[in-house]
Amino acid sequence: MKEYGMSSDPISHWQPDVRSAPALAQRLDRLAMRLLPAGLTALVAILLAAPTGIPGAIALIPGLAMASVFFWSVWRPASMSVPVVFCLGLLLDLIGFAPLGVTAFAFLLLHGTAVHMRFGLMRLNFITLWLTFTLLESGVCWLAWFLVSSLSFRIMPTAPVIFECMLTAGIYPPFAALGNWAHRKLSNPEPQL
């Protein structure tokens, strides 16, 4: 065996790869950064749905989730992938007692539109991007209203939909400011000493 460049003891050449530990840590760090936006969105939704006594907290959940799905689909689509958006929509369906799949379907349409238009959206100034989001989220709210009305075989009241559209449009600017800060931190993490 020595004549072919192999030793008779195959284990004697095996050395544990010292670099595998940092590589694993780096992979776990990247995975955590990818899941952070969706994880925080799910956590905030669960906390707002909890019986804390905060008036109107439940009304914030769909708006925050739509702002999160749109923002991260445009600026960091790997953090808001299709399975993540689907699971987030199902979570909101379960929290809000909506027919299962309605919010997930509406969020997937919002995500798909944002990802499809992302390079054009990234070039827009904030006001134009905000107006685009407002049009898209209004469409998502009305689509969800239509689906819930169709599935329950009765026309649901429209006042909550109008309120949700206005609330979500108002949620986006502070969310985008916080999201821009988080996006910069995720893109350029500070080096560790």
C-alpha atoms as a PDB file:
ATOM      1  CA  MET A   1       0.000   0.000   0.000  1.00  0.00           C
ATOM      2  CA  LYS A   2       2.896   2.373   0.601  1.00  0.00           C
ATOM      3  CA  GLU A   3       3.865   2.285  -3.054  1.00  0.00           C
ATOM      4  CA  TYR A   4       0.561   3.934  -4.024  1.00  0.00           C
ATOM      5  CA  GLY A   5       1.031   6.770  -1.538  1.00  0.00           C
ATOM      6  CA  MET A   6      -1.338   5.326   1.032  1.00  0.00           C
ATOM      7  CA  SER A   7      -0.341   4.189   4.464  1.00  0.00           C
ATOM      8  CA  SER A   8      -1.580   0.999   5.970  1.00  0.00           C
ATOM      9  CA  ASP A   9      -3.222   2.943   8.772  1.00  0.00           C
ATOM     10  CA  PRO A  10      -5.950   5.150   7.257  1.00  0.00           C
ATOM     11  CA  ILE A  11      -6.730   6.773  10.613  1.00  0.00           C
ATOM     12  CA  SER A  12      -3.195   8.075  11.130  1.00  0.00           C
ATOM     13  CA  HIS A  13      -3.730  10.721   8.425  1.00  0.00           C
ATOM     14  CA  TRP A  14      -7.057  11.873   9.787  1.00  0.00           C
ATOM     15  CA  GLN A  15      -6.777  15.092  11.687  1.00  0.00           C
ATOM     16  CA  PRO A  16      -9.787  16.915  13.036  1.00  0.00           C
ATOM     17  CA  ASP A  17     -10.384  20.046  11.039  1.00  0.00           C
ATOM     18  CA  VAL A  18      -9.741  22.878  13.431  1.00  0.00           C
ATOM     19  CA  ARG A  19     -11.449  25.312  11.079  1.00  0.00           C
ATOM     20  CA  SER A  20     -14.740  23.404  11.155  1.00  0.00           C
ATOM     21  CA  ALA A  21     -15.797  24.917  14.493  1.00  0.00           C
ATOM     22  CA  PRO A  22     -15.694  28.545  13.268  1.00  0.00           C
ATOM     23  CA  ALA A  23     -17.272  27.498   9.980  1.00  0.00           C
ATOM     24  CA  LEU A  24     -20.142  25.895  11.867  1.00  0.00           C
ATOM     25  CA  ALA A  25     -20.459  28.969  14.066  1.00  0.00           C
ATOM     26  CA  GLN A  26     -20.495  31.186  10.984  1.00  0.00           C
ATOM     27  CA  ARG A  27     -23.179  29.050   9.350  1.00  0.00           C
ATOM     28  CA  LEU A  28     -25.305  29.163  12.482  1.00  0.00           C
ATOM     29  CA  ASP A  29     -24.780  32.917  12.689  1.00  0.00           C
ATOM     30  CA  ARG A  30     -25.889  33.350   9.057  1.00  0.00           C
ATOM     31  CA  LEU A  31     -28.916  31.131   9.661  1.00  0.00           C
ATOM     32  CA  ALA A  32     -29.857  33.163  12.727  1.00  0.00           C
ATOM     33  CA  MET A  33     -29.525  36.402  10.745  1.00  0.00           C
ATOM     34  CA  ARG A  34     -31.707  34.939   7.975  1.00  0.00           C
ATOM     35  CA  LEU A  35     -34.420  33.878  10.405  1.00  0.00           C
ATOM     36  CA  LEU A  36     -34.276  36.992  12.593  1.00  0.00           C
ATOM     37  CA  PRO A  37     -36.807  39.177  10.694  1.00  0.00           C
ATOM     38  CA  ALA A  38     -39.436  36.442  10.437  1.00  0.00           C
ATOM     39  CA  GLY A  39     -38.766  35.223  13.962  1.00  0.00           C
ATOM     40  CA  LEU A  40     -39.164  38.701  15.407  1.00  0.00           C
ATOM     41  CA  THR A  41     -42.328  39.242  13.361  1.00  0.00           C
ATOM     42  CA  ALA A  42     -43.810  35.991  14.687  1.00  0.00           C
ATOM     43  CA  LEU A  43     -42.761  36.834  18.248  1.00  0.00           C
ATOM     44  CA  VAL A  44     -44.290  40.309  18.091  1.00  0.00           C
ATOM     45  CA  ALA A  45     -47.508  38.846  16.643  1.00  0.00           C
ATOM     46  CA  ILE A  46     -47.737  36.320  19.473  1.00  0.00           C
ATOM     47  CA  LEU A  47     -46.972  38.958  22.112  1.00  0.00           C
ATOM     48  CA  LEU A  48     -49.578  41.354  20.697  1.00  0.00           C
ATOM     49  CA  ALA A  49     -52.146  38.549  20.604  1.00  0.00           C
ATOM     50  CA  ALA A  50     -51.510  37.678  24.253  1.00  0.00           C
ATOM     51  CA  PRO A  51     -54.065  39.024  26.735  1.00  0.00           C
ATOM     52  CA  THR A  52     -51.944  41.940  27.975  1.00  0.00           C
ATOM     53  CA  GLY A  53     -54.751  44.451  28.303  1.00  0.00           C
ATOM     54  CA  ILE A  54     -53.176  46.819  25.754  1.00  0.00           C
ATOM     55  CA  PRO A  55     -56.142  48.295  23.855  1.00  0.00           C
ATOM     56  CA  GLY A  56     -56.015  47.714  20.112  1.00  0.00           C
ATOM     57  CA  ALA A  57     -52.923  45.507  20.218  1.00  0.00           C
ATOM     58  CA  ILE A  58     -54.520  42.798  18.095  1.00  0.00           C
ATOM     59  CA  ALA A  59     -55.353  45.336  15.376  1.00  0.00           C
ATOM     60  CA  LEU A  60     -51.616  46.009  14.931  1.00  0.00           C
ATOM     61  CA  ILE A  61     -50.738  42.404  14.090  1.00  0.00           C
ATOM     62  CA  PRO A  62     -51.746  42.272  10.378  1.00  0.00           C
ATOM     63  CA  GLY A  63     -50.229  45.684   9.658  1.00  0.00           C
ATOM     64  CA  LEU A  64     -46.915  44.860  11.288  1.00  0.00           C
ATOM     65  CA  ALA A  65     -46.789  41.497   9.542  1.00  0.00           C
ATOM     66  CA  MET A  66     -47.564  43.020   6.114  1.00  0.00           C
ATOM     67  CA  ALA A  67     -44.955  45.741   6.640  1.00  0.00           C
ATOM     68  CA  SER A  68     -42.421  43.095   7.618  1.00  0.00           C
ATOM     69  CA  VAL A  69     -43.203  40.807   4.683  1.00  0.00           C
ATOM     70  CA  PHE A  70     -42.995  43.685   2.210  1.00  0.00           C
ATOM     71  CA  PHE A  71     -39.878  45.327   3.650  1.00  0.00           C
ATOM     72  CA  TRP A  72     -37.814  42.167   3.987  1.00  0.00           C
ATOM     73  CA  SER A  73     -39.034  40.782   0.639  1.00  0.00           C
ATOM     74  CA  VAL A  74     -37.654  43.901  -1.040  1.00  0.00           C
ATOM     75  CA  TRP A  75     -34.422  44.433   0.894  1.00  0.00           C
ATOM     76  CA  ARG A  76     -33.439  40.939   2.034  1.00  0.00           C
ATOM     77  CA  PRO A  77     -35.565  38.293   0.279  1.00  0.00           C
ATOM     78  CA  ALA A  78     -33.516  35.426   1.712  1.00  0.00           C
ATOM     79  CA  SER A  79     -34.810  36.424   5.149  1.00  0.00           C
ATOM     80  CA  MET A  80     -38.423  36.351   3.988  1.00  0.00           C
ATOM     81  CA  SER A  81     -38.591  33.257   1.792  1.00  0.00           C
ATOM     82  CA  VAL A  82     -41.788  31.642   0.510  1.00  0.00           C
ATOM     83  CA  PRO A  83     -41.987  28.942   3.241  1.00  0.00           C
ATOM     84  CA  VAL A  84     -41.366  31.556   5.930  1.00  0.00           C
ATOM     85  CA  VAL A  85     -44.082  33.848   4.538  1.00  0.00           C
ATOM     86  CA  PHE A  86     -46.477  30.905   4.301  1.00  0.00           C
ATOM     87  CA  CYS A  87     -45.844  29.883   7.925  1.00  0.00           C
ATOM     88  CA  LEU A  88     -46.179  33.482   9.075  1.00  0.00           C
ATOM     89  CA  GLY A  89     -49.527  33.746   7.276  1.00  0.00           C
ATOM     90  CA  LEU A  90     -50.751  30.503   8.848  1.00  0.00           C
ATOM     91  CA  LEU A  91     -49.688  31.782  12.267  1.00  0.00           C
ATOM     92  CA  LEU A  92     -51.725  34.949  11.740  1.00  0.00           C
ATOM     93  CA  ASP A  93     -54.692  32.875  10.566  1.00  0.00           C
ATOM     94  CA  LEU A  94     -54.512  30.867  13.791  1.00  0.00           C
ATOM     95  CA  ILE A  95     -54.075  33.966  15.973  1.00  0.00           C
ATOM     96  CA  GLY A  96     -56.865  35.917  14.256  1.00  0.00           C
ATOM     97  CA  PHE A  97     -59.254  32.991  13.857  1.00  0.00           C
ATOM     98  CA  ALA A  98     -59.441  33.600  10.114  1.00  0.00           C
ATOM     99  CA  PRO A  99     -60.155  30.731   7.744  1.00  0.00           C
ATOM    100  CA  LEU A 100     -56.926  28.756   7.498  1.00  0.00           C
ATOM    101  CA  GLY A 101     -54.893  29.814   4.495  1.00  0.00           C
ATOM    102  CA  VAL A 102     -56.483  33.185   3.722  1.00  0.00           C
ATOM    103  CA  THR A 103     -53.753  35.318   5.274  1.00  0.00           C
ATOM    104  CA  ALA A 104     -51.068  32.932   4.055  1.00  0.00           C
ATOM    105  CA  PHE A 105     -52.353  33.251   0.481  1.00  0.00           C
ATOM    106  CA  ALA A 106     -52.619  37.034   0.710  1.00  0.00           C
ATOM    107  CA  PHE A 107     -49.114  37.321   2.198  1.00  0.00           C
ATOM    108  CA  LEU A 108     -47.696  35.072  -0.521  1.00  0.00           C
ATOM    109  CA  LEU A 109     -49.159  37.387  -3.156  1.00  0.00           C
ATOM    110  CA  LEU A 110     -47.657  40.412  -1.392  1.00  0.00           C
ATOM    111  CA  HIS A 111     -44.311  38.655  -1.116  1.00  0.00           C
ATOM    112  CA  GLY A 112     -44.336  37.525  -4.740  1.00  0.00           C
ATOM    113  CA  THR A 113     -45.168  41.014  -5.972  1.00  0.00           C
ATOM    114  CA  ALA A 114     -42.476  42.610  -3.795  1.00  0.00           C
ATOM    115  CA  VAL A 115     -39.813  40.121  -4.882  1.00  0.00           C
ATOM    116  CA  HIS A 116     -40.800  40.442  -8.540  1.00  0.00           C
ATOM    117  CA  MET A 117     -40.617  44.246  -8.405  1.00  0.00           C
ATOM    118  CA  ARG A 118     -37.754  44.473  -5.902  1.00  0.00           C
ATOM    119  CA  PHE A 119     -35.063  45.960  -8.153  1.00  0.00           C
ATOM    120  CA  GLY A 120     -37.427  48.676  -9.289  1.00  0.00           C
ATOM    121  CA  LEU A 121     -38.659  49.264  -5.741  1.00  0.00           C
ATOM    122  CA  MET A 122     -35.112  49.568  -4.402  1.00  0.00           C
ATOM    123  CA  ARG A 123     -34.509  52.578  -6.678  1.00  0.00           C
ATOM    124  CA  LEU A 124     -37.572  54.490  -5.487  1.00  0.00           C
ATOM    125  CA  ASN A 125     -37.463  57.266  -2.939  1.00  0.00           C
ATOM    126  CA  PHE A 126     -39.187  56.577   0.362  1.00  0.00           C
ATOM    127  CA  ILE A 127     -42.446  58.412  -0.399  1.00  0.00           C
ATOM    128  CA  THR A 128     -42.966  56.534  -3.670  1.00  0.00           C
ATOM    129  CA  LEU A 129     -42.074  53.233  -1.999  1.00  0.00           C
ATOM    130  CA  TRP A 130     -44.524  54.009   0.804  1.00  0.00           C
ATOM    131  CA  LEU A 131     -47.290  54.789  -1.701  1.00  0.00           C
ATOM    132  CA  THR A 132     -46.524  51.554  -3.552  1.00  0.00           C
ATOM    133  CA  PHE A 133     -46.712  49.627  -0.284  1.00  0.00           C
ATOM    134  CA  THR A 134     -49.989  51.363   0.569  1.00  0.00           C
ATOM    135  CA  LEU A 135     -51.524  50.281  -2.748  1.00  0.00           C
ATOM    136  CA  LEU A 136     -50.268  46.711  -2.342  1.00  0.00           C
ATOM    137  CA  GLU A 137     -51.358  46.344   1.274  1.00  0.00           C
ATOM    138  CA  SER A 138     -54.782  47.776   0.423  1.00  0.00           C
ATOM    139  CA  GLY A 139     -55.105  45.153  -2.269  1.00  0.00           C
ATOM    140  CA  VAL A 140     -54.069  42.445   0.197  1.00  0.00           C
ATOM    141  CA  CYS A 141     -56.584  43.664   2.809  1.00  0.00           C
ATOM    142  CA  TRP A 142     -59.436  43.748   0.279  1.00  0.00           C
ATOM    143  CA  LEU A 143     -58.432  40.347  -1.096  1.00  0.00           C
ATOM    144  CA  ALA A 144     -58.521  38.878   2.418  1.00  0.00           C
ATOM    145  CA  TRP A 145     -61.927  40.517   2.980  1.00  0.00           C
ATOM    146  CA  PHE A 146     -63.213  39.025  -0.286  1.00  0.00           C
ATOM    147  CA  LEU A 147     -61.879  35.548   0.568  1.00  0.00           C
ATOM    148  CA  VAL A 148     -63.322  35.593   4.089  1.00  0.00           C
ATOM    149  CA  SER A 149     -66.679  36.833   2.722  1.00  0.00           C
ATOM    150  CA  SER A 150     -66.666  34.104   0.078  1.00  0.00           C
ATOM    151  CA  LEU A 151     -65.755  31.363   2.511  1.00  0.00           C
ATOM    152  CA  SER A 152     -68.362  32.424   5.073  1.00  0.00           C
ATOM    153  CA  PHE A 153     -71.103  32.910   2.424  1.00  0.00           C
ATOM    154  CA  ARG A 154     -71.945  36.408   3.648  1.00  0.00           C
ATOM    155  CA  ILE A 155     -70.598  39.885   3.046  1.00  0.00           C
ATOM    156  CA  MET A 156     -68.353  40.919   5.903  1.00  0.00           C
ATOM    157  CA  PRO A 157     -68.384  44.530   7.175  1.00  0.00           C
ATOM    158  CA  THR A 158     -66.068  46.850   5.254  1.00  0.00           C
ATOM    159  CA  ALA A 159     -65.234  49.320   8.060  1.00  0.00           C
ATOM    160  CA  PRO A 160     -62.578  47.013   9.613  1.00  0.00           C
ATOM    161  CA  VAL A 161     -60.916  46.640   6.208  1.00  0.00           C
ATOM    162  CA  ILE A 162     -60.738  50.398   5.688  1.00  0.00           C
ATOM    163  CA  PHE A 163     -59.340  50.814   9.215  1.00  0.00           C
ATOM    164  CA  GLU A 164     -56.751  48.064   8.610  1.00  0.00           C
ATOM    165  CA  CYS A 165     -55.654  49.670   5.329  1.00  0.00           C
ATOM    166  CA  MET A 166     -55.152  53.045   7.005  1.00  0.00           C
ATOM    167  CA  LEU A 167     -53.450  51.553  10.073  1.00  0.00           C
ATOM    168  CA  THR A 168     -51.056  49.477   7.964  1.00  0.00           C
ATOM    169  CA  ALA A 169     -50.163  52.494   5.831  1.00  0.00           C
ATOM    170  CA  GLY A 170     -49.357  54.391   9.027  1.00  0.00           C
ATOM    171  CA  ILE A 171     -47.299  51.536  10.475  1.00  0.00           C
ATOM    172  CA  TYR A 172     -44.943  51.312   7.512  1.00  0.00           C
ATOM    173  CA  PRO A 173     -42.816  54.492   7.983  1.00  0.00           C
ATOM    174  CA  PRO A 174     -41.649  53.711  11.544  1.00  0.00           C
ATOM    175  CA  PHE A 175     -41.263  50.051  10.639  1.00  0.00           C
ATOM    176  CA  ALA A 176     -39.160  50.947   7.581  1.00  0.00           C
ATOM    177  CA  ALA A 177     -36.914  53.186   9.714  1.00  0.00           C
ATOM    178  CA  LEU A 178     -36.367  50.350  12.182  1.00  0.00           C
ATOM    179  CA  GLY A 179     -35.981  47.870   9.322  1.00  0.00           C
ATOM    180  CA  ASN A 180     -33.341  50.026   7.600  1.00  0.00           C
ATOM    181  CA  TRP A 181     -31.340  50.156  10.822  1.00  0.00           C
ATOM    182  CA  ALA A 182     -31.626  46.361  11.263  1.00  0.00           C
ATOM    183  CA  HIS A 183     -30.770  45.771   7.590  1.00  0.00           C
ATOM    184  CA  ARG A 184     -27.567  47.805   7.962  1.00  0.00           C
ATOM    185  CA  LYS A 185     -26.660  45.882  11.122  1.00  0.00           C
ATOM    186  CA  LEU A 186     -27.326  42.516   9.437  1.00  0.00           C
ATOM    187  CA  SER A 187     -25.388  43.499   6.315  1.00  0.00           C
ATOM    188  CA  ASN A 188     -22.377  44.923   8.150  1.00  0.00           C
ATOM    189  CA  PRO A 189     -22.067  43.249  11.527  1.00  0.00           C
ATOM    190  CA  GLU A 190     -19.403  44.732  13.736  1.00  0.00           C
ATOM    191  CA  PRO A 191     -16.229  42.645  13.823  1.00  0.00           C
ATOM    192  CA  GLN A 192     -15.714  40.711  16.996  1.00  0.00           C
ATOM    193  CA  LEU A 193     -12.449  41.065  18.840  1.00  0.00           C
END
